[in-house]
């Protein structure tokens, strides 16, 4: 996958792990019938569409409670 590049994506999240988890969760939502607001996505697979949504700030990646509990 060339678009968006990993360097561009890292400006949207705090770690590669967070990016992978967020993209996987969103891809699962899309697979189960979720809809995207992107008119003409460059990707045709769910993970690619999820990454495009994150890059275009249509999906905001925040720290979850699971990560907060692990740090305590």
N, C-alpha and C. Protein backbone atom coordinates (compact mmCIF):
# COMPACT_ATOMS: atom_id res chain seq x y z
N UNK A 1 0.85 -1.17 0.00
CA UNK A 1 0.00 0.00 0.00
C UNK A 1 0.89 1.23 0.00
N UNK A 2 0.66 2.13 -0.92
CA UNK A 2 1.48 3.32 -1.04
C UNK A 2 0.81 4.55 -0.46
N UNK A 3 -0.50 4.56 -0.40
CA UNK A 3 -1.20 5.73 0.09
C UNK A 3 -2.13 5.32 1.20
N UNK A 4 -2.14 5.99 2.28
CA UNK A 4 -1.17 6.98 2.75
C UNK A 4 0.07 6.28 3.28
N UNK A 5 1.18 6.97 3.24
CA UNK A 5 2.44 6.35 3.68
C UNK A 5 2.47 6.26 5.20
N UNK A 6 3.30 5.37 5.70
CA UNK A 6 3.40 5.18 7.16
C UNK A 6 3.91 6.45 7.84
N UNK A 7 4.78 7.20 7.18
CA UNK A 7 5.28 8.45 7.77
C UNK A 7 4.16 9.46 7.93
N UNK A 8 3.29 9.56 6.94
CA UNK A 8 2.15 10.47 7.04
C UNK A 8 1.17 10.01 8.12
N UNK A 9 0.99 8.70 8.24
CA UNK A 9 0.06 8.16 9.23
C UNK A 9 0.55 8.37 10.65
N UNK A 10 1.85 8.39 10.86
CA UNK A 10 2.39 8.53 12.21
C UNK A 10 2.12 9.92 12.79
N UNK A 11 1.74 10.89 11.96
CA UNK A 11 1.36 12.20 12.49
C UNK A 11 -0.03 12.17 13.10
N UNK A 12 -0.79 11.11 12.83
CA UNK A 12 -2.17 11.00 13.31
C UNK A 12 -2.31 10.18 14.59
N UNK A 13 -1.30 9.37 14.90
CA UNK A 13 -1.37 8.47 16.05
C UNK A 13 -0.07 8.56 16.84
N UNK A 14 -0.08 8.00 18.05
CA UNK A 14 1.11 8.06 18.88
C UNK A 14 2.04 6.86 18.71
N UNK A 15 1.55 5.78 18.10
CA UNK A 15 2.42 4.62 17.88
C UNK A 15 1.88 3.77 16.73
N UNK A 16 2.74 2.96 16.17
CA UNK A 16 2.33 2.05 15.10
C UNK A 16 1.31 1.04 15.62
N UNK A 17 1.48 0.64 16.87
CA UNK A 17 0.55 -0.32 17.47
C UNK A 17 -0.86 0.27 17.50
N UNK A 18 -0.98 1.52 17.93
CA UNK A 18 -2.29 2.17 17.98
C UNK A 18 -2.91 2.26 16.60
N UNK A 19 -2.09 2.53 15.61
CA UNK A 19 -2.57 2.61 14.23
C UNK A 19 -3.12 1.27 13.76
N UNK A 20 -2.40 0.20 14.03
CA UNK A 20 -2.83 -1.13 13.61
C UNK A 20 -4.13 -1.53 14.29
N UNK A 21 -4.22 -1.28 15.59
CA UNK A 21 -5.43 -1.65 16.34
C UNK A 21 -6.63 -0.85 15.83
N UNK A 22 -6.45 0.46 15.65
CA UNK A 22 -7.56 1.30 15.19
C UNK A 22 -8.01 0.91 13.78
N UNK A 23 -7.06 0.66 12.90
CA UNK A 23 -7.40 0.28 11.52
C UNK A 23 -8.11 -1.08 11.50
N UNK A 24 -7.65 -2.01 12.32
CA UNK A 24 -8.28 -3.33 12.36
C UNK A 24 -9.71 -3.25 12.89
N UNK A 25 -9.91 -2.46 13.93
CA UNK A 25 -11.27 -2.32 14.49
C UNK A 25 -12.21 -1.67 13.48
N UNK A 26 -11.73 -0.63 12.81
CA UNK A 26 -12.57 0.05 11.82
C UNK A 26 -12.84 -0.85 10.62
N UNK A 27 -11.85 -1.61 10.19
CA UNK A 27 -12.03 -2.53 9.07
C UNK A 27 -13.08 -3.58 9.42
N UNK A 28 -13.08 -4.04 10.65
CA UNK A 28 -14.08 -5.02 11.09
C UNK A 28 -15.48 -4.39 11.04
N UNK A 29 -15.59 -3.13 11.47
CA UNK A 29 -16.89 -2.45 11.40
C UNK A 29 -17.37 -2.33 9.96
N UNK A 30 -16.46 -1.99 9.06
CA UNK A 30 -16.82 -1.87 7.64
C UNK A 30 -17.26 -3.21 7.07
N UNK A 31 -16.54 -4.26 7.43
CA UNK A 31 -16.86 -5.61 6.94
C UNK A 31 -18.24 -6.05 7.41
N UNK A 32 -18.61 -5.63 8.62
CA UNK A 32 -19.90 -6.04 9.18
C UNK A 32 -21.04 -5.12 8.77
N UNK A 33 -20.80 -4.26 7.79
CA UNK A 33 -21.88 -3.44 7.26
C UNK A 33 -21.74 -1.95 7.50
N UNK A 34 -20.67 -1.51 8.10
CA UNK A 34 -20.45 -0.09 8.31
C UNK A 34 -20.25 0.64 7.00
N UNK A 35 -20.52 1.92 6.99
CA UNK A 35 -20.39 2.71 5.78
C UNK A 35 -19.32 3.77 5.96
N UNK A 36 -18.67 4.12 4.88
CA UNK A 36 -17.63 5.14 4.91
C UNK A 36 -18.14 6.42 4.25
N UNK A 37 -17.61 7.55 4.67
CA UNK A 37 -17.97 8.84 4.08
C UNK A 37 -17.08 9.19 2.90
N UNK A 38 -16.07 8.40 2.65
CA UNK A 38 -15.15 8.68 1.55
C UNK A 38 -15.87 8.37 0.24
N UNK A 39 -15.91 9.35 -0.66
CA UNK A 39 -16.63 9.18 -1.93
C UNK A 39 -15.96 8.15 -2.83
N UNK A 40 -14.69 8.32 -3.13
CA UNK A 40 -13.96 7.42 -4.02
C UNK A 40 -12.68 6.96 -3.34
N UNK A 41 -12.77 5.97 -2.46
CA UNK A 41 -11.55 5.52 -1.78
C UNK A 41 -10.57 4.92 -2.78
N UNK A 42 -9.29 5.15 -2.54
CA UNK A 42 -8.25 4.59 -3.41
C UNK A 42 -8.09 3.10 -3.17
N UNK A 43 -8.39 2.67 -1.96
CA UNK A 43 -8.28 1.25 -1.60
C UNK A 43 -9.63 0.57 -1.80
N UNK A 44 -9.59 -0.71 -2.10
CA UNK A 44 -10.83 -1.46 -2.22
C UNK A 44 -10.99 -2.47 -1.09
N UNK A 45 -9.95 -2.64 -0.28
CA UNK A 45 -10.04 -3.53 0.87
C UNK A 45 -10.39 -2.71 2.11
N UNK A 46 -11.01 -3.38 3.08
CA UNK A 46 -11.49 -2.69 4.27
C UNK A 46 -10.37 -2.02 5.06
N UNK A 47 -9.24 -2.67 5.20
CA UNK A 47 -8.13 -2.08 5.97
C UNK A 47 -7.63 -0.82 5.28
N UNK A 48 -7.52 -0.85 3.97
CA UNK A 48 -7.08 0.32 3.22
C UNK A 48 -8.04 1.49 3.37
N UNK A 49 -9.33 1.20 3.32
CA UNK A 49 -10.34 2.25 3.51
C UNK A 49 -10.24 2.80 4.93
N UNK A 50 -10.05 1.94 5.91
CA UNK A 50 -9.92 2.38 7.30
C UNK A 50 -8.72 3.29 7.46
N UNK A 51 -7.60 2.95 6.85
CA UNK A 51 -6.41 3.80 6.93
C UNK A 51 -6.65 5.14 6.25
N UNK A 52 -7.35 5.16 5.14
CA UNK A 52 -7.68 6.42 4.48
C UNK A 52 -8.55 7.29 5.38
N UNK A 53 -9.51 6.67 6.07
CA UNK A 53 -10.38 7.42 6.98
C UNK A 53 -9.57 8.03 8.12
N UNK A 54 -8.64 7.28 8.67
CA UNK A 54 -7.80 7.80 9.74
C UNK A 54 -6.95 8.95 9.22
N UNK A 55 -6.37 8.79 8.05
CA UNK A 55 -5.51 9.82 7.47
C UNK A 55 -6.28 11.11 7.19
N UNK A 56 -7.52 10.98 6.75
CA UNK A 56 -8.34 12.15 6.44
C UNK A 56 -9.07 12.70 7.66
N UNK A 57 -8.72 12.23 8.85
CA UNK A 57 -9.31 12.67 10.12
C UNK A 57 -10.82 12.42 10.20
N UNK A 58 -11.30 11.43 9.48
CA UNK A 58 -12.71 11.03 9.61
C UNK A 58 -12.87 10.08 10.79
N UNK A 59 -11.78 9.46 11.19
CA UNK A 59 -11.73 8.60 12.37
C UNK A 59 -10.63 9.16 13.27
N UNK A 60 -10.95 9.45 14.51
CA UNK A 60 -9.98 9.99 15.45
C UNK A 60 -9.51 8.85 16.35
N UNK A 61 -8.21 8.66 16.43
CA UNK A 61 -7.63 7.60 17.26
C UNK A 61 -7.28 8.21 18.62
N UNK A 62 -7.91 7.68 19.67
CA UNK A 62 -7.62 8.14 21.03
C UNK A 62 -7.17 6.96 21.87
N UNK A 63 -6.57 7.26 22.99
CA UNK A 63 -6.14 6.19 23.90
C UNK A 63 -7.37 5.62 24.58
N UNK A 64 -7.43 4.30 24.63
CA UNK A 64 -8.57 3.64 25.25
C UNK A 64 -8.33 3.33 26.70
N UNK A 65 -9.37 2.88 27.38
CA UNK A 65 -9.26 2.51 28.78
C UNK A 65 -8.34 1.32 28.96
N UNK A 66 -8.29 0.43 27.98
CA UNK A 66 -7.44 -0.75 28.08
C UNK A 66 -5.98 -0.36 28.23
N UNK A 67 -5.54 0.63 27.44
CA UNK A 67 -4.15 1.07 27.51
C UNK A 67 -3.88 1.77 28.83
N UNK A 68 -4.85 2.58 29.31
CA UNK A 68 -4.66 3.29 30.57
C UNK A 68 -4.52 2.31 31.73
N UNK A 69 -5.28 1.23 31.74
CA UNK A 69 -5.22 0.26 32.82
C UNK A 69 -3.89 -0.49 32.83
N UNK A 70 -3.32 -0.73 31.67
CA UNK A 70 -2.04 -1.44 31.58
C UNK A 70 -0.91 -0.62 32.19
N UNK A 71 -1.01 0.71 32.12
CA UNK A 71 0.06 1.57 32.63
C UNK A 71 0.03 1.69 34.15
N UNK A 72 -1.08 1.35 34.80
CA UNK A 72 -1.20 1.52 36.25
C UNK A 72 -0.47 0.46 37.00
